[in-house]
C-alpha atoms as a PDB file:
ATOM      1  CA  UNK A   1       4.532  29.054  24.306  1.00  0.00           C
ATOM      2  CA  UNK A   2       2.239  30.240  21.486  1.00  0.00           C
ATOM      3  CA  UNK A   3       4.971  29.733  18.898  1.00  0.00           C
ATOM      4  CA  UNK A   4       5.532  26.197  20.255  1.00  0.00           C
ATOM      5  CA  UNK A   5       1.834  25.487  19.908  1.00  0.00           C
ATOM      6  CA  UNK A   6       1.817  26.893  16.380  1.00  0.00           C
ATOM      7  CA  UNK A   7       4.871  24.867  15.448  1.00  0.00           C
ATOM      8  CA  UNK A   8       3.268  21.780  16.957  1.00  0.00           C
ATOM      9  CA  UNK A   9       0.032  22.449  15.060  1.00  0.00           C
ATOM     10  CA  UNK A  10       1.948  22.886  11.798  1.00  0.00           C
ATOM     11  CA  UNK A  11       3.811  19.631  12.398  1.00  0.00           C
ATOM     12  CA  UNK A  12       0.572  17.855  13.196  1.00  0.00           C
ATOM     13  CA  UNK A  13      -1.014  19.196  10.003  1.00  0.00           C
ATOM     14  CA  UNK A  14       1.984  18.088   7.966  1.00  0.00           C
ATOM     15  CA  UNK A  15       1.839  14.622   9.496  1.00  0.00           C
ATOM     16  CA  UNK A  16      -1.886  14.396   8.773  1.00  0.00           C
ATOM     17  CA  UNK A  17      -1.271  15.371   5.144  1.00  0.00           C
ATOM     18  CA  UNK A  18       1.517  12.791   4.890  1.00  0.00           C
ATOM     19  CA  UNK A  19      -0.789  10.136   6.298  1.00  0.00           C
ATOM     20  CA  UNK A  20      -3.488  11.025   3.760  1.00  0.00           C
ATOM     21  CA  UNK A  21      -0.943  10.884   0.968  1.00  0.00           C
ATOM     22  CA  UNK A  22       0.407   7.526   2.131  1.00  0.00           C
ATOM     23  CA  UNK A  23      -3.088   6.096   2.473  1.00  0.00           C
ATOM     24  CA  UNK A  24      -3.873   7.273  -1.054  1.00  0.00           C
ATOM     25  CA  UNK A  25      -0.723   5.665  -2.412  1.00  0.00           C
ATOM     26  CA  UNK A  26      -1.489   2.397  -0.631  1.00  0.00           C
ATOM     27  CA  UNK A  27      -4.999   2.449  -2.114  1.00  0.00           C
ATOM     28  CA  UNK A  28      -3.629   3.097  -5.601  1.00  0.00           C
ATOM     29  CA  UNK A  29      -1.099   0.272  -5.322  1.00  0.00           C
ATOM     30  CA  UNK A  30      -3.750  -2.128  -4.108  1.00  0.00           C
ATOM     31  CA  UNK A  31      -5.912  -1.185  -7.102  1.00  0.00           C
ATOM     32  CA  UNK A  32      -2.983  -1.875  -9.441  1.00  0.00           C
ATOM     33  CA  UNK A  33      -2.514  -5.263  -7.789  1.00  0.00           C
ATOM     34  CA  UNK A  34      -6.198  -6.059  -8.308  1.00  0.00           C
ATOM     35  CA  UNK A  35      -5.947  -5.070 -11.959  1.00  0.00           C
ATOM     36  CA  UNK A  36      -2.832  -7.222 -12.428  1.00  0.00           C
ATOM     37  CA  UNK A  37      -4.616 -10.159 -10.842  1.00  0.00           C
ATOM     38  CA  UNK A  38      -7.627  -9.661 -13.130  1.00  0.00           C
ATOM     39  CA  UNK A  39      -5.378  -9.512 -16.194  1.00  0.00           C
ATOM     40  CA  UNK A  40      -3.675 -12.736 -15.139  1.00  0.00           C
ATOM     41  CA  UNK A  41      -7.023 -14.452 -14.687  1.00  0.00           C
ATOM     42  CA  UNK A  42      -8.114 -13.236 -18.125  1.00  0.00           C
ATOM     43  CA  UNK A  43      -4.931 -14.622 -19.666  1.00  0.00           C
ATOM     44  CA  UNK A  44      -5.533 -17.990 -18.024  1.00  0.00           C
ATOM     45  CA  UNK A  45      -9.086 -18.131 -19.361  1.00  0.00           C
ATOM     46  CA  UNK A  46      -7.894 -17.133 -22.846  1.00  0.00           C
ATOM     47  CA  UNK A  47      -5.286 -19.866 -22.718  1.00  0.00           C
ATOM     48  CA  UNK A  48      -7.921 -22.403 -21.713  1.00  0.00           C
ATOM     49  CA  UNK A  49     -10.076 -21.291 -24.631  1.00  0.00           C
ATOM     50  CA  UNK A  50      -7.119 -21.643 -26.982  1.00  0.00           C
ATOM     51  CA  UNK A  51      -6.405 -25.118 -25.665  1.00  0.00           C
ATOM     52  CA  UNK A  52      -9.982 -26.210 -26.198  1.00  0.00           C
ATOM     53  CA  UNK A  53     -10.050 -24.830 -29.760  1.00  0.00           C
ATOM     54  CA  UNK A  54      -6.650 -26.397 -30.445  1.00  0.00           C
ATOM     55  CA  UNK A  55      -8.000 -29.779 -29.423  1.00  0.00           C
ATOM     56  CA  UNK A  56     -10.865 -29.361 -31.869  1.00  0.00           C
ATOM     57  CA  UNK A  57      -8.567 -28.153 -34.636  1.00  0.00           C
ATOM     58  CA  UNK A  58      -6.043 -30.962 -34.084  1.00  0.00           C
ATOM     59  CA  UNK A  59      -8.511 -33.570 -35.226  1.00  0.00           C
ATOM     60  CA  UNK A  60      -9.441 -31.506 -38.283  1.00  0.00           C
ATOM     61  CA  UNK A  61      -5.904 -30.637 -39.477  1.00  0.00           C
ATOM     62  CA  UNK A  62      -3.745 -32.769 -41.668  1.00  0.00           C
ATOM     63  CA  UNK A  63      -0.569 -34.289 -40.193  1.00  0.00           C
ATOM     64  CA  UNK A  64       1.834 -31.711 -41.731  1.00  0.00           C
ATOM     65  CA  UNK A  65       0.143 -28.842 -39.912  1.00  0.00           C
ATOM     66  CA  UNK A  66       0.526 -30.567 -36.541  1.00  0.00           C
ATOM     67  CA  UNK A  67       4.266 -29.819 -36.456  1.00  0.00           C
ATOM     68  CA  UNK A  68       3.613 -26.135 -37.106  1.00  0.00           C
ATOM     69  CA  UNK A  69       0.922 -26.235 -34.454  1.00  0.00           C
ATOM     70  CA  UNK A  70       3.338 -27.724 -31.918  1.00  0.00           C
ATOM     71  CA  UNK A  71       5.969 -25.049 -32.659  1.00  0.00           C
ATOM     72  CA  UNK A  72       3.374 -22.300 -32.279  1.00  0.00           C
ATOM     73  CA  UNK A  73       2.095 -23.886 -29.104  1.00  0.00           C
ATOM     74  CA  UNK A  74       5.632 -23.972 -27.652  1.00  0.00           C
ATOM     75  CA  UNK A  75       6.138 -20.318 -28.568  1.00  0.00           C
ATOM     76  CA  UNK A  76       2.805 -19.433 -26.958  1.00  0.00           C
ATOM     77  CA  UNK A  77       3.788 -21.301 -23.802  1.00  0.00           C
ATOM     78  CA  UNK A  78       7.146 -19.518 -23.708  1.00  0.00           C
ATOM     79  CA  UNK A  79       5.445 -16.148 -24.129  1.00  0.00           C
ATOM     80  CA  UNK A  80       3.018 -17.061 -21.391  1.00  0.00           C
ATOM     81  CA  UNK A  81       5.884 -18.073 -19.050  1.00  0.00           C
ATOM     82  CA  UNK A  82       7.720 -14.826 -19.803  1.00  0.00           C
ATOM     83  CA  UNK A  83       4.597 -12.793 -19.113  1.00  0.00           C
ATOM     84  CA  UNK A  84       3.928 -14.636 -15.849  1.00  0.00           C
ATOM     85  CA  UNK A  85       7.519 -14.028 -14.789  1.00  0.00           C
ATOM     86  CA  UNK A  86       7.272 -10.291 -15.485  1.00  0.00           C
ATOM     87  CA  UNK A  87       3.895 -10.134 -13.728  1.00  0.00           C
ATOM     88  CA  UNK A  88       5.376 -11.844 -10.680  1.00  0.00           C
ATOM     89  CA  UNK A  89       8.252  -9.376 -10.654  1.00  0.00           C
ATOM     90  CA  UNK A  90       5.929  -6.369 -10.929  1.00  0.00           C
ATOM     91  CA  UNK A  91       3.607  -7.820  -8.318  1.00  0.00           C
ATOM     92  CA  UNK A  92       6.561  -8.356  -5.983  1.00  0.00           C
ATOM     93  CA  UNK A  93       7.741  -4.785  -6.524  1.00  0.00           C
ATOM     94  CA  UNK A  94       4.231  -3.439  -5.906  1.00  0.00           C
ATOM     95  CA  UNK A  95       3.843  -5.549  -2.781  1.00  0.00           C
ATOM     96  CA  UNK A  96       7.167  -4.245  -1.477  1.00  0.00           C
ATOM     97  CA  UNK A  97       6.034  -0.685  -2.137  1.00  0.00           C
ATOM     98  CA  UNK A  98       2.740  -1.337  -0.351  1.00  0.00           C
ATOM     99  CA  UNK A  99       4.646  -2.823   2.598  1.00  0.00           C
ATOM    100  CA  UNK A 100       6.997   0.157   2.801  1.00  0.00           C
ATOM    101  CA  UNK A 101       4.127   2.638   2.605  1.00  0.00           C
ATOM    102  CA  UNK A 102       2.252   0.706   5.282  1.00  0.00           C
ATOM    103  CA  UNK A 103       5.339   0.784   7.509  1.00  0.00           C
ATOM    104  CA  UNK A 104       5.747   4.536   6.879  1.00  0.00           C
ATOM    105  CA  UNK A 105       2.101   5.072   7.755  1.00  0.00           C
ATOM    106  CA  UNK A 106       2.439   3.012  10.937  1.00  0.00           C
ATOM    107  CA  UNK A 107       5.572   4.875  12.034  1.00  0.00           C
ATOM    108  CA  UNK A 108       3.863   8.192  11.329  1.00  0.00           C
ATOM    109  CA  UNK A 109       0.873   7.140  13.413  1.00  0.00           C
ATOM    110  CA  UNK A 110       3.196   5.967  16.222  1.00  0.00           C
ATOM    111  CA  UNK A 111       5.004   9.301  16.138  1.00  0.00           C
ATOM    112  CA  UNK A 112       1.686  11.173  16.307  1.00  0.00           C
ATOM    113  CA  UNK A 113       0.636   9.064  19.294  1.00  0.00           C
ATOM    114  CA  UNK A 114       3.918   9.846  21.062  1.00  0.00           C
ATOM    115  CA  UNK A 115       3.433  13.562  20.371  1.00  0.00           C
ATOM    116  CA  UNK A 116      -0.099  13.416  21.749  1.00  0.00           C
ATOM    117  CA  UNK A 117       1.226  11.793  24.938  1.00  0.00           C
ATOM    118  CA  UNK A 118       3.829  14.535  25.284  1.00  0.00           C
ATOM    119  CA  UNK A 119       1.162  17.197  24.805  1.00  0.00           C
ATOM    120  CA  UNK A 120      -0.988  15.610  27.524  1.00  0.00           C
ATOM    121  CA  UNK A 121       2.003  15.427  29.877  1.00  0.00           C
ATOM    122  CA  UNK A 122       2.801  19.094  29.253  1.00  0.00           C
ATOM    123  CA  UNK A 123      -0.836  20.061  29.804  1.00  0.00           C
ATOM    124  CA  UNK A 124      -0.812  18.136  33.095  1.00  0.00           C
ATOM    125  CA  UNK A 125       2.356  19.991  34.147  1.00  0.00           C
ATOM    126  CA  UNK A 126       0.827  23.352  33.200  1.00  0.00           C
ATOM    127  CA  UNK A 127      -2.331  22.505  35.123  1.00  0.00           C
ATOM    128  CA  UNK A 128      -0.201  21.502  38.107  1.00  0.00           C
ATOM    129  CA  UNK A 129       1.658  24.833  37.980  1.00  0.00           C
ATOM    130  CA  UNK A 130      -1.641  26.750  37.906  1.00  0.00           C
ATOM    131  CA  UNK A 131      -2.848  24.841  40.982  1.00  0.00           C
ATOM    132  CA  UNK A 132       0.395  25.600  42.830  1.00  0.00           C
ATOM    133  CA  UNK A 133       0.035  29.315  42.050  1.00  0.00           C
ATOM    134  CA  UNK A 134      -3.535  29.303  43.371  1.00  0.00           C
ATOM    135  CA  UNK A 135      -2.428  27.557  46.576  1.00  0.00           C
ATOM    136  CA  UNK A 136       0.352  30.100  47.119  1.00  0.00           C
ATOM    137  CA  UNK A 137      -2.032  32.996  46.571  1.00  0.00           C
ATOM    138  CA  UNK A 138      -4.611  31.591  48.919  1.00  0.00           C
ATOM    139  CA  UNK A 139      -1.966  31.134  51.634  1.00  0.00           C
ATOM    140  CA  UNK A 140      -0.883  34.756  51.300  1.00  0.00           C
ATOM    141  CA  UNK A 141      -4.455  36.007  51.450  1.00  0.00           C
ATOM    142  CA  UNK A 142      -4.883  34.866  55.050  1.00  0.00           C
END
């Protein structure tokens, strides 16, 4: 019985450590997502700044430089599209990892709840056996 309790305690401790680890990983992944979102917002604001300066520079440049400007603008847009695509892919991967870790955490918590219910049931049975022994003893005492 003592070895069962020790084994149960060790399993409970391991589960608690796993839960802490999973919670830490979820927190880290959420922080990475926040950072990615901030970087994306910064890129959008930089692009807006570039557009506004380009509009100013367009009126000041001679006609021959406008073609070069258009080519550079197209390249910038392509780079921006590529970056957004890679950010979406990494965000999707991170979100999937967060989802999996959340599911693992939930299943671990469900398992712990089930174990707690089993422990309570066993304690109730043990208490019932102790009561039966006391009743038997008291009957024999008369």
